[in-house]
Amino acid sequence: MAGNSKRVIVHIESTAGTGYRYTITKSKKTHPERVEHKKYDPKIKKHVMFKETK
C-alpha cells in the first residue's frame, strides 16, 4: 500500500469462533464504522459473518 493512501488495512474475524481471519482494506472516510461481511470459513466449510477486529 502506498504511504499516502486513504485506505487502511483491517482484519475481519469469523464469528463462528474458529479464529479464521481475512485481511481487507477499507476507506475510513466513507466507512468509519466497523465492517461486517458474509464470507466463507474453510475450517467449518460454511459461509458465516466476519466482523472487523481491533
N, C-alpha and C. Protein backbone atom coordinates (compact mmCIF):
# COMPACT_ATOMS: atom_id res chain seq x y z
N MET A 1 0.85 -1.18 0.00
CA MET A 1 0.00 0.00 0.00
C MET A 1 0.89 1.25 0.00
N ALA A 2 0.46 2.24 -0.69
CA ALA A 2 1.20 3.49 -0.73
C ALA A 2 1.05 4.22 0.59
N GLY A 3 2.05 4.96 0.97
CA GLY A 3 2.05 5.66 2.25
C GLY A 3 1.01 6.75 2.33
N ASN A 4 0.61 7.32 1.20
CA ASN A 4 -0.35 8.42 1.21
C ASN A 4 -1.76 7.95 0.84
N SER A 5 -2.01 6.66 0.96
CA SER A 5 -3.31 6.10 0.60
C SER A 5 -4.38 6.48 1.61
N LYS A 6 -5.60 6.65 1.16
CA LYS A 6 -6.74 6.98 2.03
C LYS A 6 -7.38 5.73 2.62
N ARG A 7 -6.89 4.55 2.22
CA ARG A 7 -7.47 3.30 2.69
C ARG A 7 -6.58 2.68 3.77
N VAL A 8 -7.19 1.95 4.68
CA VAL A 8 -6.45 1.30 5.76
C VAL A 8 -6.66 -0.21 5.68
N ILE A 9 -5.69 -0.97 6.15
CA ILE A 9 -5.78 -2.43 6.18
C ILE A 9 -6.45 -2.84 7.49
N VAL A 10 -7.48 -3.68 7.40
CA VAL A 10 -8.17 -4.17 8.59
C VAL A 10 -8.29 -5.69 8.50
N HIS A 11 -8.43 -6.32 9.66
CA HIS A 11 -8.65 -7.76 9.74
C HIS A 11 -10.10 -8.01 10.10
N ILE A 12 -10.71 -8.98 9.43
CA ILE A 12 -12.06 -9.39 9.82
C ILE A 12 -11.97 -10.84 10.27
N GLU A 13 -12.62 -11.15 11.40
CA GLU A 13 -12.51 -12.47 12.01
C GLU A 13 -13.87 -13.15 12.04
N SER A 14 -13.85 -14.47 11.89
CA SER A 14 -15.07 -15.28 11.86
C SER A 14 -15.82 -15.19 13.19
N THR A 15 -17.14 -15.09 13.10
CA THR A 15 -17.98 -15.08 14.30
C THR A 15 -18.29 -16.50 14.76
N ALA A 16 -17.85 -17.51 13.99
CA ALA A 16 -18.10 -18.90 14.35
C ALA A 16 -17.14 -19.39 15.44
N GLY A 17 -16.15 -18.58 15.78
CA GLY A 17 -15.23 -18.95 16.84
C GLY A 17 -14.05 -19.80 16.39
N THR A 18 -13.82 -19.90 15.09
CA THR A 18 -12.71 -20.71 14.59
C THR A 18 -11.39 -19.95 14.60
N GLY A 19 -11.44 -18.63 14.67
CA GLY A 19 -10.22 -17.84 14.65
C GLY A 19 -9.72 -17.52 13.25
N TYR A 20 -10.46 -17.93 12.22
CA TYR A 20 -10.05 -17.68 10.85
C TYR A 20 -10.23 -16.19 10.53
N ARG A 21 -9.25 -15.61 9.82
CA ARG A 21 -9.28 -14.18 9.50
C ARG A 21 -9.02 -13.92 8.03
N TYR A 22 -9.61 -12.84 7.55
CA TYR A 22 -9.31 -12.29 6.23
C TYR A 22 -8.71 -10.91 6.45
N THR A 23 -7.88 -10.46 5.50
CA THR A 23 -7.33 -9.11 5.52
C THR A 23 -7.96 -8.35 4.36
N ILE A 24 -8.56 -7.19 4.65
CA ILE A 24 -9.19 -6.38 3.62
C ILE A 24 -8.75 -4.93 3.81
N THR A 25 -9.08 -4.09 2.85
CA THR A 25 -8.85 -2.65 3.00
C THR A 25 -10.20 -1.95 3.00
N LYS A 26 -10.25 -0.84 3.72
CA LYS A 26 -11.48 -0.05 3.73
C LYS A 26 -11.12 1.43 3.79
N SER A 27 -12.05 2.25 3.36
CA SER A 27 -11.88 3.69 3.40
C SER A 27 -12.44 4.21 4.72
N LYS A 28 -11.59 4.85 5.52
CA LYS A 28 -12.03 5.41 6.80
C LYS A 28 -13.03 6.56 6.59
N LYS A 29 -12.91 7.22 5.47
CA LYS A 29 -13.78 8.38 5.21
C LYS A 29 -15.22 7.96 4.92
N THR A 30 -15.40 6.95 4.08
CA THR A 30 -16.76 6.55 3.71
C THR A 30 -17.35 5.49 4.65
N HIS A 31 -16.49 4.74 5.37
CA HIS A 31 -16.96 3.69 6.30
C HIS A 31 -16.24 3.81 7.64
N PRO A 32 -16.58 4.80 8.45
CA PRO A 32 -15.88 4.95 9.74
C PRO A 32 -16.27 3.86 10.75
N GLU A 33 -17.43 3.21 10.56
CA GLU A 33 -17.86 2.17 11.48
C GLU A 33 -17.15 0.85 11.16
N ARG A 34 -17.29 -0.12 12.07
CA ARG A 34 -16.68 -1.44 11.85
C ARG A 34 -17.45 -2.17 10.74
N VAL A 35 -16.70 -2.89 9.91
CA VAL A 35 -17.31 -3.57 8.77
C VAL A 35 -17.72 -4.99 9.14
N GLU A 36 -18.72 -5.50 8.43
CA GLU A 36 -19.16 -6.89 8.55
C GLU A 36 -19.37 -7.43 7.14
N HIS A 37 -18.86 -8.62 6.89
CA HIS A 37 -19.03 -9.27 5.59
C HIS A 37 -19.41 -10.72 5.82
N LYS A 38 -20.21 -11.27 4.93
CA LYS A 38 -20.51 -12.69 4.97
C LYS A 38 -19.55 -13.36 3.99
N LYS A 39 -18.64 -14.18 4.54
CA LYS A 39 -17.61 -14.82 3.74
C LYS A 39 -17.48 -16.29 4.12
N TYR A 40 -16.68 -17.02 3.36
CA TYR A 40 -16.51 -18.45 3.55
C TYR A 40 -15.46 -18.73 4.63
N ASP A 41 -15.80 -19.58 5.59
CA ASP A 41 -14.86 -20.02 6.61
C ASP A 41 -14.47 -21.46 6.28
N PRO A 42 -13.24 -21.70 5.81
CA PRO A 42 -12.85 -23.04 5.39
C PRO A 42 -12.72 -24.04 6.53
N LYS A 43 -12.59 -23.58 7.76
CA LYS A 43 -12.45 -24.51 8.88
C LYS A 43 -13.76 -25.23 9.19
N ILE A 44 -14.89 -24.56 8.98
CA ILE A 44 -16.19 -25.22 9.20
C ILE A 44 -16.94 -25.45 7.89
N LYS A 45 -16.34 -25.02 6.79
CA LYS A 45 -16.88 -25.23 5.43
C LYS A 45 -18.27 -24.65 5.26
N LYS A 46 -18.46 -23.40 5.75
CA LYS A 46 -19.73 -22.69 5.62
C LYS A 46 -19.46 -21.20 5.45
N HIS A 47 -20.47 -20.48 4.97
CA HIS A 47 -20.43 -19.04 4.94
C HIS A 47 -20.95 -18.52 6.28
N VAL A 48 -20.19 -17.63 6.90
CA VAL A 48 -20.58 -17.03 8.18
C VAL A 48 -20.24 -15.56 8.15
N MET A 49 -20.74 -14.83 9.14
CA MET A 49 -20.43 -13.41 9.25
C MET A 49 -19.02 -13.23 9.80
N PHE A 50 -18.30 -12.28 9.21
CA PHE A 50 -16.99 -11.90 9.68
C PHE A 50 -17.08 -10.45 10.13
N LYS A 51 -16.53 -10.15 11.32
CA LYS A 51 -16.58 -8.79 11.85
C LYS A 51 -15.17 -8.26 12.03
N GLU A 52 -15.04 -6.95 11.86
CA GLU A 52 -13.75 -6.28 11.99
C GLU A 52 -13.24 -6.37 13.43
N THR A 53 -11.95 -6.70 13.56
CA THR A 53 -11.31 -6.75 14.88
C THR A 53 -10.47 -5.50 15.09
N LYS A 54 -9.96 -5.32 16.28
CA LYS A 54 -9.12 -4.17 16.57
C LYS A 54 -7.80 -4.26 15.85
